[in-house]
C-alpha atoms as a PDB file:
ATOM      1  CA  UNK A   1      98.482  84.964  88.152  1.00  0.00           C
ATOM      2  CA  UNK A   2     101.612  83.922  90.023  1.00  0.00           C
ATOM      3  CA  UNK A   3     103.225  86.222  92.572  1.00  0.00           C
ATOM      4  CA  UNK A   4     106.797  86.705  93.746  1.00  0.00           C
ATOM      5  CA  UNK A   5     105.598  88.007  97.098  1.00  0.00           C
ATOM      6  CA  UNK A   6     104.791  86.197 100.334  1.00  0.00           C
ATOM      7  CA  UNK A   7     102.438  87.764 102.849  1.00  0.00           C
ATOM      8  CA  UNK A   8     103.573  88.179 106.458  1.00  0.00           C
ATOM      9  CA  UNK A   9     101.710  86.132 109.045  1.00  0.00           C
ATOM     10  CA  UNK A  10     100.435  87.779 112.245  1.00  0.00           C
ATOM     11  CA  UNK A  11     101.968  86.520 115.496  1.00  0.00           C
ATOM     12  CA  UNK A  12      99.970  85.122 118.431  1.00  0.00           C
ATOM     13  CA  UNK A  13      98.949  88.660 119.447  1.00  0.00           C
ATOM     14  CA  UNK A  14      97.817  89.524 115.923  1.00  0.00           C
ATOM     15  CA  UNK A  15     100.855  91.734 115.291  1.00  0.00           C
ATOM     16  CA  UNK A  16     102.617  91.694 111.928  1.00  0.00           C
ATOM     17  CA  UNK A  17     106.352  92.329 112.004  1.00  0.00           C
ATOM     18  CA  UNK A  18     108.038  94.209 109.172  1.00  0.00           C
ATOM     19  CA  UNK A  19     111.676  95.029 108.506  1.00  0.00           C
ATOM     20  CA  UNK A  20     113.096  98.543 108.672  1.00  0.00           C
ATOM     21  CA  UNK A  21     113.365  98.539 104.874  1.00  0.00           C
ATOM     22  CA  UNK A  22     109.686  97.634 104.526  1.00  0.00           C
ATOM     23  CA  UNK A  23     108.675 100.424 106.887  1.00  0.00           C
ATOM     24  CA  UNK A  24     110.925 102.743 104.859  1.00  0.00           C
ATOM     25  CA  UNK A  25     109.173 101.699 101.642  1.00  0.00           C
ATOM     26  CA  UNK A  26     105.812 102.569 103.217  1.00  0.00           C
ATOM     27  CA  UNK A  27     107.130 106.001 104.181  1.00  0.00           C
ATOM     28  CA  UNK A  28     108.385 106.709 100.660  1.00  0.00           C
ATOM     29  CA  UNK A  29     105.064 105.623  99.152  1.00  0.00           C
ATOM     30  CA  UNK A  30     102.755 107.478 101.524  1.00  0.00           C
ATOM     31  CA  UNK A  31     104.676 110.746 101.550  1.00  0.00           C
ATOM     32  CA  UNK A  32     104.971 111.036  97.787  1.00  0.00           C
ATOM     33  CA  UNK A  33     101.375 109.943  97.225  1.00  0.00           C
ATOM     34  CA  UNK A  34      99.976 112.446  99.730  1.00  0.00           C
ATOM     35  CA  UNK A  35     101.814 115.174  97.836  1.00  0.00           C
ATOM     36  CA  UNK A  36     100.620 113.877  94.450  1.00  0.00           C
ATOM     37  CA  UNK A  37      96.965 113.817  95.552  1.00  0.00           C
ATOM     38  CA  UNK A  38      96.750 117.471  96.574  1.00  0.00           C
ATOM     39  CA  UNK A  39      93.730 118.946  94.779  1.00  0.00           C
ATOM     40  CA  UNK A  40      92.926 115.609  93.143  1.00  0.00           C
ATOM     41  CA  UNK A  41      91.381 113.301  95.780  1.00  0.00           C
ATOM     42  CA  UNK A  42      87.684 113.609  96.651  1.00  0.00           C
ATOM     43  CA  UNK A  43      86.608 115.118  99.976  1.00  0.00           C
ATOM     44  CA  UNK A  44      85.152 111.787 101.155  1.00  0.00           C
ATOM     45  CA  UNK A  45      88.554 110.138 100.759  1.00  0.00           C
ATOM     46  CA  UNK A  46      90.352 112.964 102.535  1.00  0.00           C
ATOM     47  CA  UNK A  47      87.851 112.787 105.409  1.00  0.00           C
ATOM     48  CA  UNK A  48      88.517 109.052 105.659  1.00  0.00           C
ATOM     49  CA  UNK A  49      92.272 109.605 105.771  1.00  0.00           C
ATOM     50  CA  UNK A  50      91.775 112.065 108.605  1.00  0.00           C
ATOM     51  CA  UNK A  51      89.787 109.460 110.542  1.00  0.00           C
ATOM     52  CA  UNK A  52      92.390 106.746 109.973  1.00  0.00           C
ATOM     53  CA  UNK A  53      95.395 108.928 110.915  1.00  0.00           C
ATOM     54  CA  UNK A  54      97.757 106.595 109.064  1.00  0.00           C
ATOM     55  CA  UNK A  55     101.343 106.699 110.344  1.00  0.00           C
ATOM     56  CA  UNK A  56     103.949 107.847 107.854  1.00  0.00           C
ATOM     57  CA  UNK A  57     107.060 106.265 109.312  1.00  0.00           C
ATOM     58  CA  UNK A  58     105.734 102.690 109.631  1.00  0.00           C
ATOM     59  CA  UNK A  59     103.214 100.250 108.187  1.00  0.00           C
ATOM     60  CA  UNK A  60     100.073 100.371 110.356  1.00  0.00           C
ATOM     61  CA  UNK A  61      98.793  97.307 112.170  1.00  0.00           C
ATOM     62  CA  UNK A  62      95.444  95.969 110.986  1.00  0.00           C
ATOM     63  CA  UNK A  63      93.968  96.289 114.490  1.00  0.00           C
ATOM     64  CA  UNK A  64      94.525 100.059 114.321  1.00  0.00           C
ATOM     65  CA  UNK A  65      92.499 100.255 111.120  1.00  0.00           C
ATOM     66  CA  UNK A  66      89.755  98.007 112.466  1.00  0.00           C
ATOM     67  CA  UNK A  67      89.207 100.253 115.448  1.00  0.00           C
ATOM     68  CA  UNK A  68      88.275 103.121 113.118  1.00  0.00           C
ATOM     69  CA  UNK A  69      86.431 101.127 110.443  1.00  0.00           C
ATOM     70  CA  UNK A  70      84.234  99.229 112.905  1.00  0.00           C
ATOM     71  CA  UNK A  71      83.257 102.463 114.630  1.00  0.00           C
ATOM     72  CA  UNK A  72      82.355 104.268 111.385  1.00  0.00           C
ATOM     73  CA  UNK A  73      80.763 101.721 109.005  1.00  0.00           C
ATOM     74  CA  UNK A  74      81.012  98.323 110.701  1.00  0.00           C
ATOM     75  CA  UNK A  75      83.791  97.157 108.373  1.00  0.00           C
ATOM     76  CA  UNK A  76      87.158  95.618 109.213  1.00  0.00           C
ATOM     77  CA  UNK A  77      90.213  94.415 107.331  1.00  0.00           C
ATOM     78  CA  UNK A  78      91.366  90.808 107.138  1.00  0.00           C
ATOM     79  CA  UNK A  79      94.924  89.576 106.553  1.00  0.00           C
ATOM     80  CA  UNK A  80      95.138  87.388 103.435  1.00  0.00           C
ATOM     81  CA  UNK A  81      97.885  85.805 101.334  1.00  0.00           C
ATOM     82  CA  UNK A  82      99.186  87.622  98.279  1.00  0.00           C
ATOM     83  CA  UNK A  83      96.516  86.013  96.089  1.00  0.00           C
ATOM     84  CA  UNK A  84      93.075  84.669  97.070  1.00  0.00           C
ATOM     85  CA  UNK A  85      90.259  82.979  95.182  1.00  0.00           C
ATOM     86  CA  UNK A  86      87.197  84.851  93.918  1.00  0.00           C
ATOM     87  CA  UNK A  87      85.063  82.829  96.347  1.00  0.00           C
ATOM     88  CA  UNK A  88      87.168  84.018  99.274  1.00  0.00           C
ATOM     89  CA  UNK A  89      87.230  87.600  97.992  1.00  0.00           C
ATOM     90  CA  UNK A  90      83.464  87.853  97.631  1.00  0.00           C
ATOM     91  CA  UNK A  91      82.834  86.067 100.939  1.00  0.00           C
ATOM     92  CA  UNK A  92      85.005  88.587 102.795  1.00  0.00           C
ATOM     93  CA  UNK A  93      83.275  91.589 101.238  1.00  0.00           C
ATOM     94  CA  UNK A  94      79.859  90.053 101.927  1.00  0.00           C
ATOM     95  CA  UNK A  95      80.930  89.858 105.586  1.00  0.00           C
ATOM     96  CA  UNK A  96      82.110  93.494 105.575  1.00  0.00           C
ATOM     97  CA  UNK A  97      85.767  92.471 105.691  1.00  0.00           C
ATOM     98  CA  UNK A  98      88.225  93.987 103.249  1.00  0.00           C
ATOM     99  CA  UNK A  99      91.105  91.673 102.254  1.00  0.00           C
ATOM    100  CA  UNK A 100      94.587  93.053 102.844  1.00  0.00           C
ATOM    101  CA  UNK A 101      97.616  91.201 101.533  1.00  0.00           C
ATOM    102  CA  UNK A 102     100.231  91.740 104.230  1.00  0.00           C
ATOM    103  CA  UNK A 103     103.302  92.325 102.065  1.00  0.00           C
ATOM    104  CA  UNK A 104     104.711  95.532 100.645  1.00  0.00           C
ATOM    105  CA  UNK A 105     106.310  96.005  97.251  1.00  0.00           C
ATOM    106  CA  UNK A 106     110.047  96.008  96.649  1.00  0.00           C
ATOM    107  CA  UNK A 107     111.886  99.279  96.037  1.00  0.00           C
ATOM    108  CA  UNK A 108     112.374  98.375  92.352  1.00  0.00           C
ATOM    109  CA  UNK A 109     108.574  98.166  91.959  1.00  0.00           C
ATOM    110  CA  UNK A 110     107.604 101.388  93.725  1.00  0.00           C
ATOM    111  CA  UNK A 111     105.749 102.805  90.720  1.00  0.00           C
ATOM    112  CA  UNK A 112     103.809  99.754  89.548  1.00  0.00           C
ATOM    113  CA  UNK A 113     102.787  96.385  90.940  1.00  0.00           C
ATOM    114  CA  UNK A 114     100.249  94.040  89.315  1.00  0.00           C
ATOM    115  CA  UNK A 115      99.146  92.365  92.536  1.00  0.00           C
ATOM    116  CA  UNK A 116      97.702  94.545  95.329  1.00  0.00           C
ATOM    117  CA  UNK A 117     100.054  95.064  98.283  1.00  0.00           C
ATOM    118  CA  UNK A 118      99.359  96.482 101.730  1.00  0.00           C
ATOM    119  CA  UNK A 119      99.991 100.058 100.590  1.00  0.00           C
ATOM    120  CA  UNK A 120      97.424  99.782  97.808  1.00  0.00           C
ATOM    121  CA  UNK A 121      94.847  98.140 100.067  1.00  0.00           C
ATOM    122  CA  UNK A 122      95.235 100.456 103.054  1.00  0.00           C
ATOM    123  CA  UNK A 123      96.092 103.803 101.463  1.00  0.00           C
ATOM    124  CA  UNK A 124      93.957 103.229  98.375  1.00  0.00           C
ATOM    125  CA  UNK A 125      90.825 101.678  99.863  1.00  0.00           C
ATOM    126  CA  UNK A 126      90.463 101.907 103.633  1.00  0.00           C
ATOM    127  CA  UNK A 127      89.777 105.646 103.787  1.00  0.00           C
ATOM    128  CA  UNK A 128      86.831 105.223 101.405  1.00  0.00           C
ATOM    129  CA  UNK A 129      85.466 102.384 103.543  1.00  0.00           C
ATOM    130  CA  UNK A 130      84.718 104.953 106.254  1.00  0.00           C
ATOM    131  CA  UNK A 131      82.130 106.459 103.885  1.00  0.00           C
ATOM    132  CA  UNK A 132      78.623 104.920 104.280  1.00  0.00           C
ATOM    133  CA  UNK A 133      77.716 105.023 100.566  1.00  0.00           C
ATOM    134  CA  UNK A 134      80.983 103.444  99.462  1.00  0.00           C
ATOM    135  CA  UNK A 135      80.894 100.866 102.276  1.00  0.00           C
ATOM    136  CA  UNK A 136      77.290  99.929 101.416  1.00  0.00           C
ATOM    137  CA  UNK A 137      78.113  99.443  97.735  1.00  0.00           C
ATOM    138  CA  UNK A 138      81.183  97.306  98.499  1.00  0.00           C
ATOM    139  CA  UNK A 139      79.128  95.113 100.848  1.00  0.00           C
ATOM    140  CA  UNK A 140      76.369  94.682  98.251  1.00  0.00           C
ATOM    141  CA  UNK A 141      78.984  93.887  95.610  1.00  0.00           C
ATOM    142  CA  UNK A 142      80.372  91.098  97.787  1.00  0.00           C
ATOM    143  CA  UNK A 143      76.902  89.639  98.331  1.00  0.00           C
ATOM    144  CA  UNK A 144      76.150  89.672  94.606  1.00  0.00           C
ATOM    145  CA  UNK A 145      79.512  88.189  93.684  1.00  0.00           C
ATOM    146  CA  UNK A 146      79.100  85.383  96.195  1.00  0.00           C
ATOM    147  CA  UNK A 147      75.838  84.313  94.545  1.00  0.00           C
ATOM    148  CA  UNK A 148      76.856  84.977  90.932  1.00  0.00           C
ATOM    149  CA  UNK A 149      77.835  82.398  88.335  1.00  0.00           C
ATOM    150  CA  UNK A 150      81.340  82.293  86.905  1.00  0.00           C
ATOM    151  CA  UNK A 151      80.101  84.085  83.779  1.00  0.00           C
ATOM    152  CA  UNK A 152      78.302  86.776  85.784  1.00  0.00           C
ATOM    153  CA  UNK A 153      81.390  87.397  87.902  1.00  0.00           C
ATOM    154  CA  UNK A 154      83.364  88.381  84.800  1.00  0.00           C
ATOM    155  CA  UNK A 155      80.911  91.223  84.200  1.00  0.00           C
ATOM    156  CA  UNK A 156      80.744  92.167  87.876  1.00  0.00           C
ATOM    157  CA  UNK A 157      84.543  92.482  87.839  1.00  0.00           C
ATOM    158  CA  UNK A 158      84.194  95.395  85.413  1.00  0.00           C
ATOM    159  CA  UNK A 159      81.838  97.175  87.793  1.00  0.00           C
ATOM    160  CA  UNK A 160      84.392  96.860  90.612  1.00  0.00           C
ATOM    161  CA  UNK A 161      87.227  97.918  88.322  1.00  0.00           C
ATOM    162  CA  UNK A 162      85.590 101.115  87.100  1.00  0.00           C
ATOM    163  CA  UNK A 163      84.273 102.174  90.521  1.00  0.00           C
ATOM    164  CA  UNK A 164      86.156 100.856  93.551  1.00  0.00           C
ATOM    165  CA  UNK A 165      89.483 100.731  91.709  1.00  0.00           C
ATOM    166  CA  UNK A 166      89.369 103.407  89.014  1.00  0.00           C
ATOM    167  CA  UNK A 167      86.376 105.638  89.704  1.00  0.00           C
ATOM    168  CA  UNK A 168      86.231 109.414  89.292  1.00  0.00           C
ATOM    169  CA  UNK A 169      83.754 111.775  90.922  1.00  0.00           C
ATOM    170  CA  UNK A 170      82.222 115.012  89.592  1.00  0.00           C
ATOM    171  CA  UNK A 171      82.331 117.799  92.200  1.00  0.00           C
ATOM    172  CA  UNK A 172      81.716 121.541  92.279  1.00  0.00           C
ATOM    173  CA  UNK A 173      85.499 121.949  92.166  1.00  0.00           C
ATOM    174  CA  UNK A 174      85.986 119.652  89.163  1.00  0.00           C
ATOM    175  CA  UNK A 175      86.823 115.979  88.772  1.00  0.00           C
ATOM    176  CA  UNK A 176      88.169 114.192  91.827  1.00  0.00           C
ATOM    177  CA  UNK A 177      89.458 110.664  92.449  1.00  0.00           C
ATOM    178  CA  UNK A 178      87.785 108.051  94.643  1.00  0.00           C
ATOM    179  CA  UNK A 179      89.095 104.789  93.114  1.00  0.00           C
ATOM    180  CA  UNK A 180      91.827 103.063  95.107  1.00  0.00           C
ATOM    181  CA  UNK A 181      93.756 101.955  92.029  1.00  0.00           C
ATOM    182  CA  UNK A 182      94.309 105.615  91.169  1.00  0.00           C
ATOM    183  CA  UNK A 183      94.697 106.919  94.724  1.00  0.00           C
ATOM    184  CA  UNK A 184      97.572 104.519  95.428  1.00  0.00           C
ATOM    185  CA  UNK A 185      99.382 104.966  92.080  1.00  0.00           C
ATOM    186  CA  UNK A 186     101.749 107.856  91.403  1.00  0.00           C
ATOM    187  CA  UNK A 187     101.447 107.434  87.636  1.00  0.00           C
ATOM    188  CA  UNK A 188      97.694 106.894  87.469  1.00  0.00           C
ATOM    189  CA  UNK A 189      97.055 109.887  89.757  1.00  0.00           C
ATOM    190  CA  UNK A 190      98.744 112.207  87.258  1.00  0.00           C
ATOM    191  CA  UNK A 191      97.276 110.484  84.196  1.00  0.00           C
ATOM    192  CA  UNK A 192      93.630 110.133  85.263  1.00  0.00           C
ATOM    193  CA  UNK A 193      93.038 113.887  85.441  1.00  0.00           C
ATOM    194  CA  UNK A 194      95.438 114.868  82.638  1.00  0.00           C
ATOM    195  CA  UNK A 195      92.760 115.155  79.949  1.00  0.00           C
ATOM    196  CA  UNK A 196      94.346 112.326  77.924  1.00  0.00           C
ATOM    197  CA  UNK A 197      91.977 109.428  78.803  1.00  0.00           C
ATOM    198  CA  UNK A 198      88.291 109.322  77.899  1.00  0.00           C
ATOM    199  CA  UNK A 199      86.074 110.362  80.813  1.00  0.00           C
ATOM    200  CA  UNK A 200      82.507 109.112  80.465  1.00  0.00           C
ATOM    201  CA  UNK A 201      79.487 109.766  82.700  1.00  0.00           C
ATOM    202  CA  UNK A 202      78.784 106.693  84.817  1.00  0.00           C
ATOM    203  CA  UNK A 203      76.292 104.378  83.125  1.00  0.00           C
ATOM    204  CA  UNK A 204      75.881 100.878  84.553  1.00  0.00           C
ATOM    205  CA  UNK A 205      75.413  99.115  81.225  1.00  0.00           C
ATOM    206  CA  UNK A 206      78.339 100.951  79.622  1.00  0.00           C
ATOM    207  CA  UNK A 207      80.571 100.016  82.559  1.00  0.00           C
ATOM    208  CA  UNK A 208      79.589  96.346  82.348  1.00  0.00           C
ATOM    209  CA  UNK A 209      80.332  96.269  78.603  1.00  0.00           C
ATOM    210  CA  UNK A 210      83.700  98.071  78.701  1.00  0.00           C
ATOM    211  CA  UNK A 211      86.833  95.870  78.564  1.00  0.00           C
ATOM    212  CA  UNK A 212      89.938  96.721  80.588  1.00  0.00           C
ATOM    213  CA  UNK A 213      93.543  95.664  81.020  1.00  0.00           C
ATOM    214  CA  UNK A 214      95.258  95.638  84.396  1.00  0.00           C
ATOM    215  CA  UNK A 215      98.765  96.380  83.118  1.00  0.00           C
ATOM    216  CA  UNK A 216      98.256  99.732  81.365  1.00  0.00           C
ATOM    217  CA  UNK A 217      97.048 103.229  82.180  1.00  0.00           C
ATOM    218  CA  UNK A 218      93.293 103.171  81.764  1.00  0.00           C
ATOM    219  CA  UNK A 219      92.089 104.599  78.429  1.00  0.00           C
ATOM    220  CA  UNK A 220      88.583 105.094  79.900  1.00  0.00           C
ATOM    221  CA  UNK A 221      87.307 106.291  83.275  1.00  0.00           C
ATOM    222  CA  UNK A 222      83.693 106.577  84.403  1.00  0.00           C
ATOM    223  CA  UNK A 223      82.584 109.639  86.359  1.00  0.00           C
ATOM    224  CA  UNK A 224      79.955 109.412  89.104  1.00  0.00           C
ATOM    225  CA  UNK A 225      77.727 112.475  89.548  1.00  0.00           C
ATOM    226  CA  UNK A 226      77.951 111.963  93.328  1.00  0.00           C
ATOM    227  CA  UNK A 227      79.157 109.201  95.620  1.00  0.00           C
ATOM    228  CA  UNK A 228      75.605 108.437  96.781  1.00  0.00           C
ATOM    229  CA  UNK A 229      74.899 107.200  93.237  1.00  0.00           C
ATOM    230  CA  UNK A 230      76.723 104.016  94.298  1.00  0.00           C
ATOM    231  CA  UNK A 231      74.418 103.673  97.294  1.00  0.00           C
ATOM    232  CA  UNK A 232      71.384 103.879  95.031  1.00  0.00           C
ATOM    233  CA  UNK A 233      72.493 100.964  92.839  1.00  0.00           C
ATOM    234  CA  UNK A 234      70.255  98.078  93.861  1.00  0.00           C
ATOM    235  CA  UNK A 235      70.942  94.357  93.596  1.00  0.00           C
ATOM    236  CA  UNK A 236      68.214  93.784  90.996  1.00  0.00           C
ATOM    237  CA  UNK A 237      69.392  96.740  88.909  1.00  0.00           C
ATOM    238  CA  UNK A 238      72.992  95.507  88.897  1.00  0.00           C
ATOM    239  CA  UNK A 239      72.133  91.904  88.004  1.00  0.00           C
ATOM    240  CA  UNK A 240      69.640  92.997  85.339  1.00  0.00           C
ATOM    241  CA  UNK A 241      72.463  95.075  83.905  1.00  0.00           C
ATOM    242  CA  UNK A 242      74.740  92.034  83.922  1.00  0.00           C
ATOM    243  CA  UNK A 243      72.113  90.023  82.031  1.00  0.00           C
ATOM    244  CA  UNK A 244      71.760  92.804  79.448  1.00  0.00           C
ATOM    245  CA  UNK A 245      75.509  93.200  79.063  1.00  0.00           C
ATOM    246  CA  UNK A 246      75.936  89.461  78.503  1.00  0.00           C
ATOM    247  CA  UNK A 247      73.292  89.603  75.793  1.00  0.00           C
ATOM    248  CA  UNK A 248      74.701  92.674  74.054  1.00  0.00           C
ATOM    249  CA  UNK A 249      78.382  91.747  74.389  1.00  0.00           C
ATOM    250  CA  UNK A 250      81.465  93.886  74.978  1.00  0.00           C
ATOM    251  CA  UNK A 251      82.479  97.103  73.292  1.00  0.00           C
ATOM    252  CA  UNK A 252      85.589  97.082  71.119  1.00  0.00           C
ATOM    253  CA  UNK A 253      88.621  97.560  73.421  1.00  0.00           C
ATOM    254  CA  UNK A 254      90.310 100.974  73.318  1.00  0.00           C
ATOM    255  CA  UNK A 255      93.727  99.340  73.781  1.00  0.00           C
ATOM    256  CA  UNK A 256      95.947  96.743  72.176  1.00  0.00           C
ATOM    257  CA  UNK A 257      95.222  93.219  73.464  1.00  0.00           C
ATOM    258  CA  UNK A 258      97.909  91.155  75.173  1.00  0.00           C
ATOM    259  CA  UNK A 259      99.197  88.524  72.765  1.00  0.00           C
ATOM    260  CA  UNK A 260      97.288  85.280  73.267  1.00  0.00           C
ATOM    261  CA  UNK A 261      94.832  86.798  75.791  1.00  0.00           C
ATOM    262  CA  UNK A 262      91.364  88.237  75.581  1.00  0.00           C
ATOM    263  CA  UNK A 263      90.499  91.545  77.197  1.00  0.00           C
ATOM    264  CA  UNK A 264      88.696  91.340  80.521  1.00  0.00           C
END
């Protein structure tokens, strides 16, 4: 996938310099998303946000995030270009480094962007990386992806998609969001808990067999009974699930396919 964006490069001191307009875009995004998430984000995410103390009026520096992440779960963030290879992506996660593309979306793409920008990566994912269960799962996922074949990675991508990006959590207060793709999206935040999409209990094999598209609201979300359920997923269990899913094949997509493309 080509991108129209170019990531900013850190200077000799590791600082990334943004324009006033880019800082203003961050402020618009974070303030409206914080309001949209009231009563919808899971407690673990909110606790992570409190630890990070993200500024509202400017894009945070990666070193600020690393100070908190390293102290809580041993993770850090790494500056990357707008797009990176799967090998690089899995290698970073396996090393407890979360890739952050250091550009921010244009004002005409505030509501939707196909490629992940710095707002999605930081606001959507970094708070959850302060949680031990979530951090453990993401690390294990990177290790598995690094060793997986090209065919296995296609199935592993669905696991990431329906958990790290678009996961929901069952709580005593009702469904809550923990997936960064929802947490950082104004539209998906409203839609995910609207009652319109199908909400299925998390089942590893079902997740691995469920197709998705990146350019639509998700017709299906999977609901974890608790966040620690991610921690309990073992390497052997995940890869055995991948082998089973490959053998059984994918479910029929619950969306219209893109012309000339297969569903993921």
